[in-house]
């Protein structure tokens, strides 16, 4: 059984027991989170929403929040003496999917 949900502007394919990193939600660890925007649900037969599956809910438990590894963006234009170096660390919320209903 799996579901395709929409959260933080992205789509995720989730199953029960999966651990997914979403954009930072500002929630406390061990709190419950509910995703109502279910785009598709497969429980033996595939149900595709138009645009959402009615009555479908995915529940999860927040594990922790943190910051990802640094991503270095380096741009160089050859023969122009032009360089740009920037760093970026993404804030995330790690969620364990507990129930698909």
C-alpha atoms as a PDB file:
ATOM      1  CA  UNK A   1       0.000   0.000   0.000  1.00  0.00           C
ATOM      2  CA  UNK A   2       1.369   3.389  -0.959  1.00  0.00           C
ATOM      3  CA  UNK A   3       0.195   6.934  -1.472  1.00  0.00           C
ATOM      4  CA  UNK A   4       1.417   9.940  -3.396  1.00  0.00           C
ATOM      5  CA  UNK A   5       1.131  13.086  -1.302  1.00  0.00           C
ATOM      6  CA  UNK A   6       1.769  16.752  -1.945  1.00  0.00           C
ATOM      7  CA  UNK A   7       3.694  18.583   0.769  1.00  0.00           C
ATOM      8  CA  UNK A   8       5.870  21.696   0.784  1.00  0.00           C
ATOM      9  CA  UNK A   9       5.441  22.174  -2.958  1.00  0.00           C
ATOM     10  CA  UNK A  10       6.715  18.694  -3.848  1.00  0.00           C
ATOM     11  CA  UNK A  11       5.212  15.269  -4.440  1.00  0.00           C
ATOM     12  CA  UNK A  12       6.332  12.222  -2.432  1.00  0.00           C
ATOM     13  CA  UNK A  13       5.567   8.517  -2.801  1.00  0.00           C
ATOM     14  CA  UNK A  14       5.189   7.160   0.748  1.00  0.00           C
ATOM     15  CA  UNK A  15       4.501   3.826   2.418  1.00  0.00           C
ATOM     16  CA  UNK A  16       3.902   3.023   6.075  1.00  0.00           C
ATOM     17  CA  UNK A  17       7.189   3.065   7.966  1.00  0.00           C
ATOM     18  CA  UNK A  18       9.004   5.355   5.492  1.00  0.00           C
ATOM     19  CA  UNK A  19      11.142   8.200   6.827  1.00  0.00           C
ATOM     20  CA  UNK A  20      10.866  11.322   4.647  1.00  0.00           C
ATOM     21  CA  UNK A  21      12.613  14.715   4.928  1.00  0.00           C
ATOM     22  CA  UNK A  22      10.251  17.624   4.242  1.00  0.00           C
ATOM     23  CA  UNK A  23      10.993  21.351   4.284  1.00  0.00           C
ATOM     24  CA  UNK A  24      10.998  22.781   7.788  1.00  0.00           C
ATOM     25  CA  UNK A  25       7.517  22.716   9.337  1.00  0.00           C
ATOM     26  CA  UNK A  26       8.304  24.124  12.786  1.00  0.00           C
ATOM     27  CA  UNK A  27       6.860  21.181  14.745  1.00  0.00           C
ATOM     28  CA  UNK A  28       8.006  19.574  17.978  1.00  0.00           C
ATOM     29  CA  UNK A  29       9.535  16.052  17.956  1.00  0.00           C
ATOM     30  CA  UNK A  30       7.061  13.200  18.590  1.00  0.00           C
ATOM     31  CA  UNK A  31       4.112  15.331  17.492  1.00  0.00           C
ATOM     32  CA  UNK A  32       1.595  14.109  14.953  1.00  0.00           C
ATOM     33  CA  UNK A  33       1.321  15.563  11.465  1.00  0.00           C
ATOM     34  CA  UNK A  34      -1.472  14.951   8.960  1.00  0.00           C
ATOM     35  CA  UNK A  35      -1.258  15.262   5.173  1.00  0.00           C
ATOM     36  CA  UNK A  36      -4.655  15.825   3.557  1.00  0.00           C
ATOM     37  CA  UNK A  37      -3.430  16.452   0.008  1.00  0.00           C
ATOM     38  CA  UNK A  38      -3.341  12.858  -1.274  1.00  0.00           C
ATOM     39  CA  UNK A  39      -3.011  12.751  -5.060  1.00  0.00           C
ATOM     40  CA  UNK A  40      -3.122   8.956  -5.512  1.00  0.00           C
ATOM     41  CA  UNK A  41      -3.729   5.936  -3.293  1.00  0.00           C
ATOM     42  CA  UNK A  42      -2.980   2.283  -4.006  1.00  0.00           C
ATOM     43  CA  UNK A  43      -4.508  -0.277  -1.639  1.00  0.00           C
ATOM     44  CA  UNK A  44      -4.860  -3.145  -4.085  1.00  0.00           C
ATOM     45  CA  UNK A  45      -6.507  -0.938  -6.671  1.00  0.00           C
ATOM     46  CA  UNK A  46      -5.181   2.438  -7.770  1.00  0.00           C
ATOM     47  CA  UNK A  47      -7.333   5.478  -6.960  1.00  0.00           C
ATOM     48  CA  UNK A  48      -6.249   8.676  -8.672  1.00  0.00           C
ATOM     49  CA  UNK A  49      -7.734  11.927  -7.439  1.00  0.00           C
ATOM     50  CA  UNK A  50      -9.065  14.771  -9.527  1.00  0.00           C
ATOM     51  CA  UNK A  51      -6.995  16.528  -8.154  1.00  0.00           C
ATOM     52  CA  UNK A  52      -7.243  14.942  -4.645  1.00  0.00           C
ATOM     53  CA  UNK A  53      -8.533  11.580  -3.402  1.00  0.00           C
ATOM     54  CA  UNK A  54     -11.524  12.324  -1.190  1.00  0.00           C
ATOM     55  CA  UNK A  55     -11.337  11.071   2.397  1.00  0.00           C
ATOM     56  CA  UNK A  56      -7.727   9.925   2.109  1.00  0.00           C
ATOM     57  CA  UNK A  57      -5.341  10.948   4.890  1.00  0.00           C
ATOM     58  CA  UNK A  58      -1.676  10.154   5.535  1.00  0.00           C
ATOM     59  CA  UNK A  59      -0.531  10.463   9.157  1.00  0.00           C
ATOM     60  CA  UNK A  60       3.006  10.723  10.404  1.00  0.00           C
ATOM     61  CA  UNK A  61       5.130  11.330  13.483  1.00  0.00           C
ATOM     62  CA  UNK A  62       7.831  14.016  13.590  1.00  0.00           C
ATOM     63  CA  UNK A  63      11.231  12.504  14.412  1.00  0.00           C
ATOM     64  CA  UNK A  64      13.368  15.652  14.484  1.00  0.00           C
ATOM     65  CA  UNK A  65      14.266  18.892  12.771  1.00  0.00           C
ATOM     66  CA  UNK A  66      17.706  19.795  11.564  1.00  0.00           C
ATOM     67  CA  UNK A  67      19.910  21.217   8.865  1.00  0.00           C
ATOM     68  CA  UNK A  68      21.226  19.307   5.879  1.00  0.00           C
ATOM     69  CA  UNK A  69      24.820  19.123   4.673  1.00  0.00           C
ATOM     70  CA  UNK A  70      26.188  22.202   2.966  1.00  0.00           C
ATOM     71  CA  UNK A  71      25.804  22.396  -0.790  1.00  0.00           C
ATOM     72  CA  UNK A  72      28.483  24.516  -2.465  1.00  0.00           C
ATOM     73  CA  UNK A  73      27.501  26.406  -5.598  1.00  0.00           C
ATOM     74  CA  UNK A  74      30.533  27.483  -7.600  1.00  0.00           C
ATOM     75  CA  UNK A  75      30.277  29.309 -10.908  1.00  0.00           C
ATOM     76  CA  UNK A  76      33.302  30.235 -12.983  1.00  0.00           C
ATOM     77  CA  UNK A  77      33.401  31.973 -16.301  1.00  0.00           C
ATOM     78  CA  UNK A  78      36.597  31.032 -18.047  1.00  0.00           C
ATOM     79  CA  UNK A  79      38.980  33.722 -19.208  1.00  0.00           C
ATOM     80  CA  UNK A  80      36.851  36.412 -17.560  1.00  0.00           C
ATOM     81  CA  UNK A  81      38.323  36.397 -14.019  1.00  0.00           C
ATOM     82  CA  UNK A  82      34.755  35.992 -12.772  1.00  0.00           C
ATOM     83  CA  UNK A  83      33.948  33.581  -9.953  1.00  0.00           C
ATOM     84  CA  UNK A  84      31.026  33.134  -7.605  1.00  0.00           C
ATOM     85  CA  UNK A  85      30.996  30.795  -4.599  1.00  0.00           C
ATOM     86  CA  UNK A  86      27.932  30.379  -2.440  1.00  0.00           C
ATOM     87  CA  UNK A  87      26.890  27.869   0.206  1.00  0.00           C
ATOM     88  CA  UNK A  88      23.442  26.644   1.132  1.00  0.00           C
ATOM     89  CA  UNK A  89      22.109  24.491   3.974  1.00  0.00           C
ATOM     90  CA  UNK A  90      18.522  23.325   3.813  1.00  0.00           C
ATOM     91  CA  UNK A  91      16.379  23.183   6.968  1.00  0.00           C
ATOM     92  CA  UNK A  92      14.305  20.006   7.145  1.00  0.00           C
ATOM     93  CA  UNK A  93      11.770  18.129   9.232  1.00  0.00           C
ATOM     94  CA  UNK A  94      12.178  14.342   9.314  1.00  0.00           C
ATOM     95  CA  UNK A  95       8.823  12.496   9.482  1.00  0.00           C
ATOM     96  CA  UNK A  96       8.033   8.777   9.868  1.00  0.00           C
ATOM     97  CA  UNK A  97       4.829   7.761   8.065  1.00  0.00           C
ATOM     98  CA  UNK A  98       2.635   5.838  10.513  1.00  0.00           C
ATOM     99  CA  UNK A  99      -0.728   5.365   8.793  1.00  0.00           C
ATOM    100  CA  UNK A 100      -2.340   5.634   5.372  1.00  0.00           C
ATOM    101  CA  UNK A 101      -6.134   5.761   5.510  1.00  0.00           C
END
